[in-house]
Amino acid sequence: MDDANRQVILVARPTGIAQASDFAIRPSPIDQPGQGQILVRNHYLSVEPAMRGWIADRGNYAAPVPIGSVMRALAAGQVVASGDAAYRVGDHVTGWFDWQDYACVSADQVVQRTSAAEMRAALGILGINGVTAYLALTMIGQPRAGETVLVSTAAGAVGSAVGQIARLLGCRTIGIAGGPDKARRCVEDFGYDGAIDYRGEDVGAAVARIAPEGIDIYFDNVAGAISDAVLPHLAMKGRVVVCGTASIDRWEPWPQGPRVERHLLVKRARMEGFVIFDHMDRYADAVAQLRAWIGEGRLTWREEILDGIEACPDALAGLYRGENDGKRLIRLV
């Protein structure tokens, strides 16, 4: 075991996208587990777009990470000491272990058991990203065969899973992504029927051309101008799944833009937000379905691995700069 635990500490409250200067890496003693606790050696740390909201100057669905605290994060690792009879040394687990080498946590901070072979996937397609894609699409979107599903950030960890799941359920899929490479990847890697490059095309005009009968389900990961362009093209009884607001870099002032009420009224449409933490009771069943599709060769994903805890401070900013190629992970071991 190492002599010290390196931790990534939030040292400043960002007003927009967190930058490397908002974090510091500091050593800390390695705590030993007490009764009902386990000590996990983190192997992989997850980087999520939602982290921006977790450290914002205004709380959203979760209390902000306090200044001077370890950055909140999902991680995957191996139990190296245990004070809980349900966990043995050598078990592989994922959970809220934060950006650090070692996490001494209670069992309720474990999200799921996994295996050495599935640790990375358990932070992506078999973790919060894949589960969010599956549950948000099926619970709120309620897709029916033959419907048209439009997904923003369609090449990302959540969006790429949404597009594939929608096709598995018999839908026609259209992706929105930034740049010709990501738009191409939507079609070639993730099986979308079509893709729109929002950097090089007029999104509203492209949606009207590709889906002249309208969008039945819009899976929205971005909000902002892209969503403003999409909403006029909802089909009758359309559903909007609000899963993220990646294009809005701060919580205040309140974002301004076109009003959505008339689109929802005239189209008898529905818009609803989704946060995975409200549906943890469905997590295991969703993982089982995703694992079955993977086993059948019907679901694929991409990963981008950064090495070393030193990559953490700039990892979130890089995500919002669009540098990642798939699910972004940081490898420690």
C-alpha atoms as a PDB file:
ATOM      1  CA  MET A   1       0.000   0.000   0.000  1.00  0.00           C
ATOM      2  CA  ASP A   2       1.167   3.537  -0.733  1.00  0.00           C
ATOM      3  CA  ASP A   3       2.407   5.811   2.059  1.00  0.00           C
ATOM      4  CA  ALA A   4       0.008   8.675   1.256  1.00  0.00           C
ATOM      5  CA  ASN A   5      -3.305   9.305  -0.409  1.00  0.00           C
ATOM      6  CA  ARG A   6      -3.210  11.925  -3.161  1.00  0.00           C
ATOM      7  CA  GLN A   7      -6.450  13.904  -3.309  1.00  0.00           C
ATOM      8  CA  VAL A   8      -7.753  16.419  -5.856  1.00  0.00           C
ATOM      9  CA  ILE A   9      -9.091  19.334  -3.813  1.00  0.00           C
ATOM     10  CA  LEU A  10     -11.501  22.037  -5.002  1.00  0.00           C
ATOM     11  CA  VAL A  11      -9.693  25.250  -4.015  1.00  0.00           C
ATOM     12  CA  ALA A  12     -11.830  27.886  -5.797  1.00  0.00           C
ATOM     13  CA  ARG A  13     -15.484  28.214  -6.733  1.00  0.00           C
ATOM     14  CA  PRO A  14     -15.771  28.548 -10.539  1.00  0.00           C
ATOM     15  CA  THR A  15     -18.474  30.764 -12.011  1.00  0.00           C
ATOM     16  CA  GLY A  16     -18.336  29.006 -15.379  1.00  0.00           C
ATOM     17  CA  ILE A  17     -16.489  25.889 -16.490  1.00  0.00           C
ATOM     18  CA  ALA A  18     -13.958  24.799 -13.868  1.00  0.00           C
ATOM     19  CA  GLN A  19     -10.340  25.259 -14.912  1.00  0.00           C
ATOM     20  CA  ALA A  20      -7.204  23.485 -13.737  1.00  0.00           C
ATOM     21  CA  SER A  21      -6.433  26.413 -11.410  1.00  0.00           C
ATOM     22  CA  ASP A  22      -9.612  25.673  -9.435  1.00  0.00           C
ATOM     23  CA  PHE A  23      -8.089  22.403  -8.184  1.00  0.00           C
ATOM     24  CA  ALA A  24      -4.981  21.334  -6.300  1.00  0.00           C
ATOM     25  CA  ILE A  25      -3.465  17.901  -5.656  1.00  0.00           C
ATOM     26  CA  ARG A  26      -2.560  17.381  -2.019  1.00  0.00           C
ATOM     27  CA  PRO A  27      -1.308  14.424   0.040  1.00  0.00           C
ATOM     28  CA  SER A  28      -3.394  13.031   2.881  1.00  0.00           C
ATOM     29  CA  PRO A  29      -3.097  10.089   5.272  1.00  0.00           C
ATOM     30  CA  ILE A  30      -4.727   6.830   4.204  1.00  0.00           C
ATOM     31  CA  ASP A  31      -7.620   6.193   6.562  1.00  0.00           C
ATOM     32  CA  GLN A  32      -8.303   2.684   7.793  1.00  0.00           C
ATOM     33  CA  PRO A  33     -11.872   1.360   7.691  1.00  0.00           C
ATOM     34  CA  GLY A  34     -13.932   1.120  10.837  1.00  0.00           C
ATOM     35  CA  GLN A  35     -16.989  -1.008  11.413  1.00  0.00           C
ATOM     36  CA  GLY A  36     -19.231  -0.923   8.323  1.00  0.00           C
ATOM     37  CA  GLN A  37     -16.568   0.742   6.157  1.00  0.00           C
ATOM     38  CA  ILE A  38     -14.269  -0.381   3.346  1.00  0.00           C
ATOM     39  CA  LEU A  39     -11.013   0.998   1.989  1.00  0.00           C
ATOM     40  CA  VAL A  40     -10.954   1.115  -1.810  1.00  0.00           C
ATOM     41  CA  ARG A  41      -7.852   1.582  -3.956  1.00  0.00           C
ATOM     42  CA  ASN A  42      -9.169   3.541  -6.927  1.00  0.00           C
ATOM     43  CA  HIS A  43      -8.099   2.253 -10.342  1.00  0.00           C
ATOM     44  CA  TYR A  44     -10.195   4.554 -12.557  1.00  0.00           C
ATOM     45  CA  LEU A  45     -11.746   7.961 -11.913  1.00  0.00           C
ATOM     46  CA  SER A  46     -14.729   9.162 -13.911  1.00  0.00           C
ATOM     47  CA  VAL A  47     -15.079  12.564 -15.561  1.00  0.00           C
ATOM     48  CA  GLU A  48     -18.716  13.658 -15.982  1.00  0.00           C
ATOM     49  CA  PRO A  49     -20.237  16.770 -17.583  1.00  0.00           C
ATOM     50  CA  ALA A  50     -22.492  16.921 -14.499  1.00  0.00           C
ATOM     51  CA  MET A  51     -19.447  17.750 -12.369  1.00  0.00           C
ATOM     52  CA  ARG A  52     -19.757  21.325 -13.564  1.00  0.00           C
ATOM     53  CA  GLY A  53     -23.037  21.572 -11.658  1.00  0.00           C
ATOM     54  CA  TRP A  54     -21.671  19.816  -8.565  1.00  0.00           C
ATOM     55  CA  ILE A  55     -19.109  22.587  -8.036  1.00  0.00           C
ATOM     56  CA  ALA A  56     -21.153  25.563  -9.287  1.00  0.00           C
ATOM     57  CA  ASP A  57     -21.677  28.637  -7.143  1.00  0.00           C
ATOM     58  CA  ARG A  58     -25.362  27.749  -6.998  1.00  0.00           C
ATOM     59  CA  GLY A  59     -26.529  24.257  -6.085  1.00  0.00           C
ATOM     60  CA  ASN A  60     -28.772  22.368  -8.464  1.00  0.00           C
ATOM     61  CA  TYR A  61     -29.967  18.837  -7.689  1.00  0.00           C
ATOM     62  CA  ALA A  62     -26.980  18.211  -5.373  1.00  0.00           C
ATOM     63  CA  ALA A  63     -25.287  20.337  -2.731  1.00  0.00           C
ATOM     64  CA  PRO A  64     -22.136  22.030  -4.077  1.00  0.00           C
ATOM     65  CA  VAL A  65     -18.811  20.421  -3.254  1.00  0.00           C
ATOM     66  CA  PRO A  66     -17.393  22.553  -0.413  1.00  0.00           C
ATOM     67  CA  ILE A  67     -14.225  24.537  -1.032  1.00  0.00           C
ATOM     68  CA  GLY A  68     -11.311  22.612   0.443  1.00  0.00           C
ATOM     69  CA  SER A  69     -12.972  19.222  -0.101  1.00  0.00           C
ATOM     70  CA  VAL A  70     -12.046  16.311  -2.344  1.00  0.00           C
ATOM     71  CA  MET A  71     -13.725  16.545  -5.733  1.00  0.00           C
ATOM     72  CA  ARG A  72     -16.893  14.467  -5.825  1.00  0.00           C
ATOM     73  CA  ALA A  73     -16.656  11.723  -8.426  1.00  0.00           C
ATOM     74  CA  LEU A  74     -17.554   8.202  -9.296  1.00  0.00           C
ATOM     75  CA  ALA A  75     -14.631   5.799  -9.352  1.00  0.00           C
ATOM     76  CA  ALA A  76     -13.898   2.110  -9.767  1.00  0.00           C
ATOM     77  CA  GLY A  77     -11.421   0.180  -7.688  1.00  0.00           C
ATOM     78  CA  GLN A  78     -10.591  -2.759  -5.483  1.00  0.00           C
ATOM     79  CA  VAL A  79     -11.249  -3.315  -1.790  1.00  0.00           C
ATOM     80  CA  VAL A  80      -7.909  -3.443   0.055  1.00  0.00           C
ATOM     81  CA  ALA A  81      -9.252  -3.485   3.629  1.00  0.00           C
ATOM     82  CA  SER A  82     -12.732  -4.165   4.948  1.00  0.00           C
ATOM     83  CA  GLY A  83     -14.719  -3.583   8.106  1.00  0.00           C
ATOM     84  CA  ASP A  84     -17.937  -4.775   6.459  1.00  0.00           C
ATOM     85  CA  ALA A  85     -18.664  -8.486   6.227  1.00  0.00           C
ATOM     86  CA  ALA A  86     -20.456  -7.966   2.897  1.00  0.00           C
ATOM     87  CA  TYR A  87     -17.186  -6.949   1.212  1.00  0.00           C
ATOM     88  CA  ARG A  88     -13.971  -8.936   1.038  1.00  0.00           C
ATOM     89  CA  VAL A  89     -10.461  -7.804   0.242  1.00  0.00           C
ATOM     90  CA  GLY A  90     -10.061  -8.175  -3.532  1.00  0.00           C
ATOM     91  CA  ASP A  91     -13.668  -7.297  -4.418  1.00  0.00           C
ATOM     92  CA  HIS A  92     -14.075  -4.847  -7.305  1.00  0.00           C
ATOM     93  CA  VAL A  93     -16.590  -2.043  -6.792  1.00  0.00           C
ATOM     94  CA  THR A  94     -17.718   1.295  -8.188  1.00  0.00           C
ATOM     95  CA  GLY A  95     -19.134   4.150  -6.178  1.00  0.00           C
ATOM     96  CA  TRP A  96     -18.738   7.645  -4.818  1.00  0.00           C
ATOM     97  CA  PHE A  97     -15.035   7.325  -4.079  1.00  0.00           C
ATOM     98  CA  ASP A  98     -14.019  10.778  -5.372  1.00  0.00           C
ATOM     99  CA  TRP A  99     -10.882  12.001  -7.121  1.00  0.00           C
ATOM    100  CA  GLN A 100      -8.231  10.376  -4.940  1.00  0.00           C
ATOM    101  CA  ASP A 101      -6.038   7.291  -4.732  1.00  0.00           C
ATOM    102  CA  TYR A 102      -7.813   5.710  -1.760  1.00  0.00           C
ATOM    103  CA  ALA A 103     -11.354   6.074  -0.441  1.00  0.00           C
ATOM    104  CA  CYS A 104     -12.448   4.976   3.015  1.00  0.00           C
ATOM    105  CA  VAL A 105     -16.222   4.823   2.635  1.00  0.00           C
ATOM    106  CA  SER A 106     -19.355   3.293   4.084  1.00  0.00           C
ATOM    107  CA  ALA A 107     -21.169   0.614   2.124  1.00  0.00           C
ATOM    108  CA  ASP A 108     -23.947   3.009   1.070  1.00  0.00           C
ATOM    109  CA  GLN A 109     -21.411   4.858  -1.093  1.00  0.00           C
ATOM    110  CA  VAL A 110     -20.930   1.767  -3.254  1.00  0.00           C
ATOM    111  CA  VAL A 111     -23.045   1.917  -6.419  1.00  0.00           C
ATOM    112  CA  GLN A 112     -22.396  -1.580  -7.731  1.00  0.00           C
ATOM    113  CA  ARG A 113     -20.116  -4.569  -7.587  1.00  0.00           C
ATOM    114  CA  THR A 114     -18.152  -5.241 -10.728  1.00  0.00           C
ATOM    115  CA  SER A 115     -15.175  -7.248 -11.955  1.00  0.00           C
ATOM    116  CA  ALA A 116     -11.627  -6.434 -12.963  1.00  0.00           C
ATOM    117  CA  ALA A 117     -12.615  -6.828 -16.615  1.00  0.00           C
ATOM    118  CA  GLU A 118     -15.645  -4.505 -16.328  1.00  0.00           C
ATOM    119  CA  MET A 119     -14.261  -1.716 -14.141  1.00  0.00           C
ATOM    120  CA  ARG A 120     -14.013   0.810 -16.974  1.00  0.00           C
ATOM    121  CA  ALA A 121     -17.377  -0.132 -18.460  1.00  0.00           C
ATOM    122  CA  ALA A 122     -18.949   0.138 -15.004  1.00  0.00           C
ATOM    123  CA  LEU A 123     -18.138   3.858 -15.070  1.00  0.00           C
ATOM    124  CA  GLY A 124     -19.608   4.317 -18.552  1.00  0.00           C
ATOM    125  CA  ILE A 125     -21.878   2.101 -20.602  1.00  0.00           C
ATOM    126  CA  LEU A 126     -22.582  -0.193 -17.613  1.00  0.00           C
ATOM    127  CA  GLY A 127     -22.594   2.726 -15.205  1.00  0.00           C
ATOM    128  CA  ILE A 128     -24.154   6.126 -14.767  1.00  0.00           C
ATOM    129  CA  ASN A 129     -23.938   7.026 -18.478  1.00  0.00           C
ATOM    130  CA  GLY A 130     -25.519   3.885 -19.912  1.00  0.00           C
ATOM    131  CA  VAL A 131     -28.085   3.638 -17.130  1.00  0.00           C
ATOM    132  CA  THR A 132     -29.072   7.289 -17.599  1.00  0.00           C
ATOM    133  CA  ALA A 133     -29.442   6.752 -21.348  1.00  0.00           C
ATOM    134  CA  TYR A 134     -31.615   3.661 -20.921  1.00  0.00           C
ATOM    135  CA  LEU A 135     -33.850   4.869 -18.084  1.00  0.00           C
ATOM    136  CA  ALA A 136     -34.333   8.448 -19.314  1.00  0.00           C
ATOM    137  CA  LEU A 137     -35.185   7.283 -22.820  1.00  0.00           C
ATOM    138  CA  THR A 138     -37.580   4.527 -21.783  1.00  0.00           C
ATOM    139  CA  MET A 139     -39.220   6.189 -18.770  1.00  0.00           C
ATOM    140  CA  ILE A 140     -39.694   9.713 -20.155  1.00  0.00           C
ATOM    141  CA  GLY A 141     -39.277   9.277 -23.904  1.00  0.00           C
ATOM    142  CA  GLN A 142     -41.362   6.082 -24.014  1.00  0.00           C
ATOM    143  CA  PRO A 143     -40.206   5.268 -27.559  1.00  0.00           C
ATOM    144  CA  ARG A 144     -42.407   3.340 -29.940  1.00  0.00           C
ATOM    145  CA  ALA A 145     -41.190   1.519 -33.032  1.00  0.00           C
ATOM    146  CA  GLY A 146     -41.153   3.760 -36.084  1.00  0.00           C
ATOM    147  CA  GLU A 147     -40.773   7.019 -34.174  1.00  0.00           C
ATOM    148  CA  THR A 148     -37.980   9.529 -34.823  1.00  0.00           C
ATOM    149  CA  VAL A 149     -35.549  10.216 -31.983  1.00  0.00           C
ATOM    150  CA  LEU A 150     -33.182  13.206 -32.066  1.00  0.00           C
ATOM    151  CA  VAL A 151     -30.226  13.255 -29.652  1.00  0.00           C
ATOM    152  CA  SER A 152     -27.872  16.140 -28.848  1.00  0.00           C
ATOM    153  CA  THR A 153     -24.224  15.434 -27.913  1.00  0.00           C
ATOM    154  CA  ALA A 154     -24.947  12.271 -29.828  1.00  0.00           C
ATOM    155  CA  ALA A 155     -21.341  11.025 -29.870  1.00  0.00           C
ATOM    156  CA  GLY A 156     -20.898  11.447 -26.110  1.00  0.00           C
ATOM    157  CA  ALA A 157     -21.050   8.783 -23.429  1.00  0.00           C
ATOM    158  CA  VAL A 158     -24.788   9.222 -22.802  1.00  0.00           C
ATOM    159  CA  GLY A 159     -25.862  10.318 -26.277  1.00  0.00           C
ATOM    160  CA  SER A 160     -24.154   7.468 -28.113  1.00  0.00           C
ATOM    161  CA  ALA A 161     -25.937   4.976 -25.860  1.00  0.00           C
ATOM    162  CA  VAL A 162     -29.303   6.715 -26.349  1.00  0.00           C
ATOM    163  CA  GLY A 163     -29.029   6.474 -30.132  1.00  0.00           C
ATOM    164  CA  GLN A 164     -28.186   2.794 -30.078  1.00  0.00           C
ATOM    165  CA  ILE A 165     -30.902   1.923 -27.564  1.00  0.00           C
ATOM    166  CA  ALA A 166     -33.488   3.858 -29.576  1.00  0.00           C
ATOM    167  CA  ARG A 167     -32.550   1.856 -32.689  1.00  0.00           C
ATOM    168  CA  LEU A 168     -32.753  -1.396 -30.731  1.00  0.00           C
ATOM    169  CA  LEU A 169     -36.302  -0.369 -29.839  1.00  0.00           C
ATOM    170  CA  GLY A 170     -37.179   0.160 -33.502  1.00  0.00           C
ATOM    171  CA  CYS A 171     -36.804   3.932 -33.814  1.00  0.00           C
ATOM    172  CA  ARG A 172     -35.225   6.103 -36.495  1.00  0.00           C
ATOM    173  CA  THR A 173     -32.349   8.073 -34.984  1.00  0.00           C
ATOM    174  CA  ILE A 174     -30.713  11.414 -35.739  1.00  0.00           C
ATOM    175  CA  GLY A 175     -27.697  12.730 -33.863  1.00  0.00           C
ATOM    176  CA  ILE A 176     -26.445  16.264 -33.279  1.00  0.00           C
ATOM    177  CA  ALA A 177     -22.693  16.563 -32.676  1.00  0.00           C
ATOM    178  CA  GLY A 178     -19.928  19.149 -32.916  1.00  0.00           C
ATOM    179  CA  GLY A 179     -17.665  18.829 -35.950  1.00  0.00           C
ATOM    180  CA  PRO A 180     -17.624  16.561 -39.010  1.00  0.00           C
ATOM    181  CA  ASP A 181     -15.616  13.808 -37.271  1.00  0.00           C
ATOM    182  CA  LYS A 182     -18.098  13.417 -34.448  1.00  0.00           C
ATOM    183  CA  ALA A 183     -21.041  13.617 -36.849  1.00  0.00           C
ATOM    184  CA  ARG A 184     -19.452  10.875 -38.959  1.00  0.00           C
ATOM    185  CA  ARG A 185     -18.832   8.792 -35.845  1.00  0.00           C
ATOM    186  CA  CYS A 186     -22.530   8.999 -34.967  1.00  0.00           C
ATOM    187  CA  VAL A 187     -23.401   7.193 -38.185  1.00  0.00           C
ATOM    188  CA  GLU A 188     -20.411   4.887 -38.627  1.00  0.00           C
ATOM    189  CA  ASP A 189     -19.763   3.871 -35.001  1.00  0.00           C
ATOM    190  CA  PHE A 190     -23.113   4.242 -33.282  1.00  0.00           C
ATOM    191  CA  GLY A 191     -25.539   3.451 -36.074  1.00  0.00           C
ATOM    192  CA  TYR A 192     -27.473   6.708 -36.292  1.00  0.00           C
ATOM    193  CA  ASP A 193     -29.596   7.023 -39.413  1.00  0.00           C
ATOM    194  CA  GLY A 194     -28.365  10.580 -39.871  1.00  0.00           C
ATOM    195  CA  ALA A 195     -26.279  13.241 -38.133  1.00  0.00           C
ATOM    196  CA  ILE A 196     -26.143  17.031 -37.950  1.00  0.00           C
ATOM    197  CA  ASP A 197     -22.905  18.958 -37.368  1.00  0.00           C
ATOM    198  CA  TYR A 198     -24.094  21.944 -35.341  1.00  0.00           C
ATOM    199  CA  ARG A 199     -20.825  23.776 -36.004  1.00  0.00           C
ATOM    200  CA  GLY A 200     -21.208  23.611 -39.761  1.00  0.00           C
ATOM    201  CA  GLU A 201     -24.967  23.480 -40.340  1.00  0.00           C
ATOM    202  CA  ASP A 202     -28.098  25.418 -39.477  1.00  0.00           C
ATOM    203  CA  VAL A 203     -29.618  23.013 -36.939  1.00  0.00           C
ATOM    204  CA  GLY A 204     -33.241  24.032 -37.485  1.00  0.00           C
ATOM    205  CA  ALA A 205     -32.974  23.787 -41.258  1.00  0.00           C
ATOM    206  CA  ALA A 206     -31.179  20.434 -41.010  1.00  0.00           C
ATOM    207  CA  VAL A 207     -33.845  18.984 -38.697  1.00  0.00           C
ATOM    208  CA  ALA A 208     -36.601  20.159 -41.056  1.00  0.00           C
ATOM    209  CA  ARG A 209     -34.812  18.510 -43.975  1.00  0.00           C
ATOM    210  CA  ILE A 210     -34.002  15.208 -42.292  1.00  0.00           C
ATOM    211  CA  ALA A 211     -37.244  14.866 -40.328  1.00  0.00           C
ATOM    212  CA  PRO A 212     -39.953  16.738 -42.248  1.00  0.00           C
ATOM    213  CA  GLU A 213     -42.714  14.996 -40.242  1.00  0.00           C
ATOM    214  CA  GLY A 214     -41.215  16.168 -36.965  1.00  0.00           C
ATOM    215  CA  ILE A 215     -39.333  14.799 -33.974  1.00  0.00           C
ATOM    216  CA  ASP A 216     -41.184  12.394 -31.711  1.00  0.00           C
ATOM    217  CA  ILE A 217     -38.521  12.334 -28.982  1.00  0.00           C
ATOM    218  CA  TYR A 218     -35.821  14.929 -28.407  1.00  0.00           C
ATOM    219  CA  PHE A 219     -33.170  13.727 -25.948  1.00  0.00           C
ATOM    220  CA  ASP A 220     -31.641  17.021 -24.858  1.00  0.00           C
ATOM    221  CA  ASN A 221     -28.163  17.077 -23.320  1.00  0.00           C
ATOM    222  CA  VAL A 222     -27.276  20.688 -24.150  1.00  0.00           C
ATOM    223  CA  ALA A 223     -30.162  23.198 -23.816  1.00  0.00           C
ATOM    224  CA  GLY A 224     -29.426  26.668 -25.226  1.00  0.00           C
ATOM    225  CA  ALA A 225     -29.409  27.619 -28.893  1.00  0.00           C
ATOM    226  CA  ILE A 226     -29.403  24.047 -30.218  1.00  0.00           C
ATOM    227  CA  SER A 227     -32.550  23.187 -28.305  1.00  0.00           C
ATOM    228  CA  ASP A 228     -34.145  26.487 -29.325  1.00  0.00           C
ATOM    229  CA  ALA A 229     -33.665  25.397 -32.938  1.00  0.00           C
ATOM    230  CA  VAL A 230     -35.059  21.904 -32.349  1.00  0.00           C
ATOM    231  CA  LEU A 231     -38.238  22.586 -30.381  1.00  0.00           C
ATOM    232  CA  PRO A 232     -40.245  24.128 -33.272  1.00  0.00           C
ATOM    233  CA  HIS A 233     -39.849  20.782 -35.061  1.00  0.00           C
ATOM    234  CA  LEU A 234     -41.514  18.592 -32.447  1.00  0.00           C
ATOM    235  CA  ALA A 235     -44.129  16.202 -33.801  1.00  0.00           C
ATOM    236  CA  MET A 236     -47.627  16.001 -32.361  1.00  0.00           C
ATOM    237  CA  LYS A 237     -47.464  14.429 -28.858  1.00  0.00           C
ATOM    238  CA  GLY A 238     -43.658  14.819 -28.890  1.00  0.00           C
ATOM    239  CA  ARG A 239     -41.601  14.194 -25.768  1.00  0.00           C
ATOM    240  CA  VAL A 240     -38.527  16.152 -24.659  1.00  0.00           C
ATOM    241  CA  VAL A 241     -36.139  14.458 -22.247  1.00  0.00           C
ATOM    242  CA  VAL A 242     -34.030  17.105 -20.481  1.00  0.00           C
ATOM    243  CA  CYS A 243     -30.884  15.293 -19.374  1.00  0.00           C
ATOM    244  CA  GLY A 244     -28.246  18.017 -19.461  1.00  0.00           C
ATOM    245  CA  THR A 245     -27.537  21.699 -20.096  1.00  0.00           C
ATOM    246  CA  ALA A 246     -23.990  21.490 -21.437  1.00  0.00           C
ATOM    247  CA  SER A 247     -24.202  24.707 -23.470  1.00  0.00           C
ATOM    248  CA  ILE A 248     -24.978  26.862 -20.419  1.00  0.00           C
ATOM    249  CA  ASP A 249     -21.759  27.545 -18.536  1.00  0.00           C
ATOM    250  CA  ARG A 250     -23.209  29.101 -15.368  1.00  0.00           C
ATOM    251  CA  TRP A 251     -26.393  29.080 -13.305  1.00  0.00           C
ATOM    252  CA  GLU A 252     -26.840  32.839 -13.002  1.00  0.00           C
ATOM    253  CA  PRO A 253     -28.049  34.988 -14.555  1.00  0.00           C
ATOM    254  CA  TRP A 254     -31.003  32.825 -15.578  1.00  0.00           C
ATOM    255  CA  PRO A 255     -30.551  31.757 -19.230  1.00  0.00           C
ATOM    256  CA  GLN A 256     -32.651  33.732 -21.696  1.00  0.00           C
ATOM    257  CA  GLY A 257     -34.095  32.510 -24.980  1.00  0.00           C
ATOM    258  CA  PRO A 258     -37.281  31.780 -26.926  1.00  0.00           C
ATOM    259  CA  ARG A 259     -40.275  30.627 -24.888  1.00  0.00           C
ATOM    260  CA  VAL A 260     -41.244  26.962 -25.207  1.00  0.00           C
ATOM    261  CA  GLU A 261     -44.837  27.039 -23.953  1.00  0.00           C
ATOM    262  CA  ARG A 262     -46.535  27.500 -27.308  1.00  0.00           C
ATOM    263  CA  HIS A 263     -44.551  24.666 -28.899  1.00  0.00           C
ATOM    264  CA  LEU A 264     -45.599  22.360 -26.072  1.00  0.00           C
ATOM    265  CA  LEU A 265     -49.219  23.520 -26.168  1.00  0.00           C
ATOM    266  CA  VAL A 266     -49.798  23.385 -29.904  1.00  0.00           C
ATOM    267  CA  LYS A 267     -48.028  20.029 -30.279  1.00  0.00           C
ATOM    268  CA  ARG A 268     -49.560  18.649 -27.021  1.00  0.00           C
ATOM    269  CA  ALA A 269     -45.937  17.839 -26.201  1.00  0.00           C
ATOM    270  CA  ARG A 270     -44.300  17.003 -22.892  1.00  0.00           C
ATOM    271  CA  MET A 271     -40.932  18.119 -21.450  1.00  0.00           C
ATOM    272  CA  GLU A 272     -39.481  16.463 -18.359  1.00  0.00           C
ATOM    273  CA  GLY A 273     -36.112  16.471 -16.624  1.00  0.00           C
ATOM    274  CA  PHE A 274     -34.198  13.346 -15.630  1.00  0.00           C
ATOM    275  CA  VAL A 275     -31.657  12.925 -12.818  1.00  0.00           C
ATOM    276  CA  ILE A 276     -30.317   9.419 -12.252  1.00  0.00           C
ATOM    277  CA  PHE A 277     -30.235   9.803  -8.464  1.00  0.00           C
ATOM    278  CA  ASP A 278     -34.051   9.677  -8.422  1.00  0.00           C
ATOM    279  CA  HIS A 279     -34.034   6.179  -9.917  1.00  0.00           C
ATOM    280  CA  MET A 280     -31.324   4.198  -8.161  1.00  0.00           C
ATOM    281  CA  ASP A 281     -33.854   1.444  -7.405  1.00  0.00           C
ATOM    282  CA  ARG A 282     -33.862   0.674 -11.154  1.00  0.00           C
ATOM    283  CA  TYR A 283     -30.082   0.796 -11.574  1.00  0.00           C
ATOM    284  CA  ALA A 284     -29.342  -2.933 -11.338  1.00  0.00           C
ATOM    285  CA  ASP A 285     -32.123  -3.894 -13.765  1.00  0.00           C
ATOM    286  CA  ALA A 286     -30.879  -1.325 -16.280  1.00  0.00           C
ATOM    287  CA  VAL A 287     -27.314  -2.657 -16.013  1.00  0.00           C
ATOM    288  CA  ALA A 288     -28.593  -6.189 -16.606  1.00  0.00           C
ATOM    289  CA  GLN A 289     -30.361  -5.125 -19.814  1.00  0.00           C
ATOM    290  CA  LEU A 290     -27.331  -3.182 -21.065  1.00  0.00           C
ATOM    291  CA  ARG A 291     -25.022  -6.116 -20.299  1.00  0.00           C
ATOM    292  CA  ALA A 292     -27.333  -8.443 -22.250  1.00  0.00           C
ATOM    293  CA  TRP A 293     -27.222  -6.189 -25.312  1.00  0.00           C
ATOM    294  CA  ILE A 294     -23.442  -5.976 -25.076  1.00  0.00           C
ATOM    295  CA  GLY A 295     -23.241  -9.760 -24.860  1.00  0.00           C
ATOM    296  CA  GLU A 296     -25.296  -9.979 -28.047  1.00  0.00           C
ATOM    297  CA  GLY A 297     -22.936  -7.578 -29.813  1.00  0.00           C
ATOM    298  CA  ARG A 298     -25.680  -4.961 -30.203  1.00  0.00           C
ATOM    299  CA  LEU A 299     -24.238  -2.151 -28.110  1.00  0.00           C
ATOM    300  CA  THR A 300     -20.854  -0.471 -28.460  1.00  0.00           C
ATOM    301  CA  TRP A 301     -18.998   2.440 -26.845  1.00  0.00           C
ATOM    302  CA  ARG A 302     -15.791   4.434 -26.944  1.00  0.00           C
ATOM    303  CA  GLU A 303     -13.431   5.337 -24.113  1.00  0.00           C
ATOM    304  CA  GLU A 304     -10.687   7.907 -23.707  1.00  0.00           C
ATOM    305  CA  ILE A 305      -8.133   7.135 -20.984  1.00  0.00           C
ATOM    306  CA  LEU A 306      -5.969   9.824 -19.376  1.00  0.00           C
ATOM    307  CA  ASP A 307      -3.136   8.599 -17.167  1.00  0.00           C
ATOM    308  CA  GLY A 308      -2.322   9.739 -13.661  1.00  0.00           C
ATOM    309  CA  ILE A 309      -4.036  11.827 -11.021  1.00  0.00           C
ATOM    310  CA  GLU A 310      -2.166  14.824 -12.450  1.00  0.00           C
ATOM    311  CA  ALA A 311      -4.655  14.730 -15.356  1.00  0.00           C
ATOM    312  CA  CYS A 312      -7.594  15.481 -13.048  1.00  0.00           C
ATOM    313  CA  PRO A 313      -7.459  19.286 -12.657  1.00  0.00           C
ATOM    314  CA  ASP A 314      -7.852  20.010 -16.390  1.00  0.00           C
ATOM    315  CA  ALA A 315     -10.007  16.986 -17.226  1.00  0.00           C
ATOM    316  CA  LEU A 316     -13.383  18.701 -16.831  1.00  0.00           C
ATOM    317  CA  ALA A 317     -12.371  21.798 -18.785  1.00  0.00           C
ATOM    318  CA  GLY A 318     -11.060  19.552 -21.553  1.00  0.00           C
ATOM    319  CA  LEU A 319     -14.392  17.769 -21.672  1.00  0.00           C
ATOM    320  CA  TYR A 320     -16.177  21.050 -22.317  1.00  0.00           C
ATOM    321  CA  ARG A 321     -13.575  22.018 -24.898  1.00  0.00           C
ATOM    322  CA  GLY A 322     -14.707  18.933 -26.803  1.00  0.00           C
ATOM    323  CA  GLU A 323     -11.331  17.211 -26.596  1.00  0.00           C
ATOM    324  CA  ASN A 324     -12.606  13.845 -25.410  1.00  0.00           C
ATOM    325  CA  ASP A 325     -13.104  10.911 -27.744  1.00  0.00           C
ATOM    326  CA  GLY A 326     -15.712   8.869 -25.905  1.00  0.00           C
ATOM    327  CA  LYS A 327     -16.191   8.355 -22.181  1.00  0.00           C
ATOM    328  CA  ARG A 328     -13.369  10.164 -20.365  1.00  0.00           C
ATOM    329  CA  LEU A 329     -11.634   8.197 -17.605  1.00  0.00           C
ATOM    330  CA  ILE A 330      -8.485   8.783 -15.575  1.00  0.00           C
ATOM    331  CA  ARG A 331      -6.369   5.704 -14.887  1.00  0.00           C
ATOM    332  CA  LEU A 332      -4.488   5.521 -11.586  1.00  0.00           C
ATOM    333  CA  VAL A 333      -3.389   1.866 -11.525  1.00  0.00           C
END
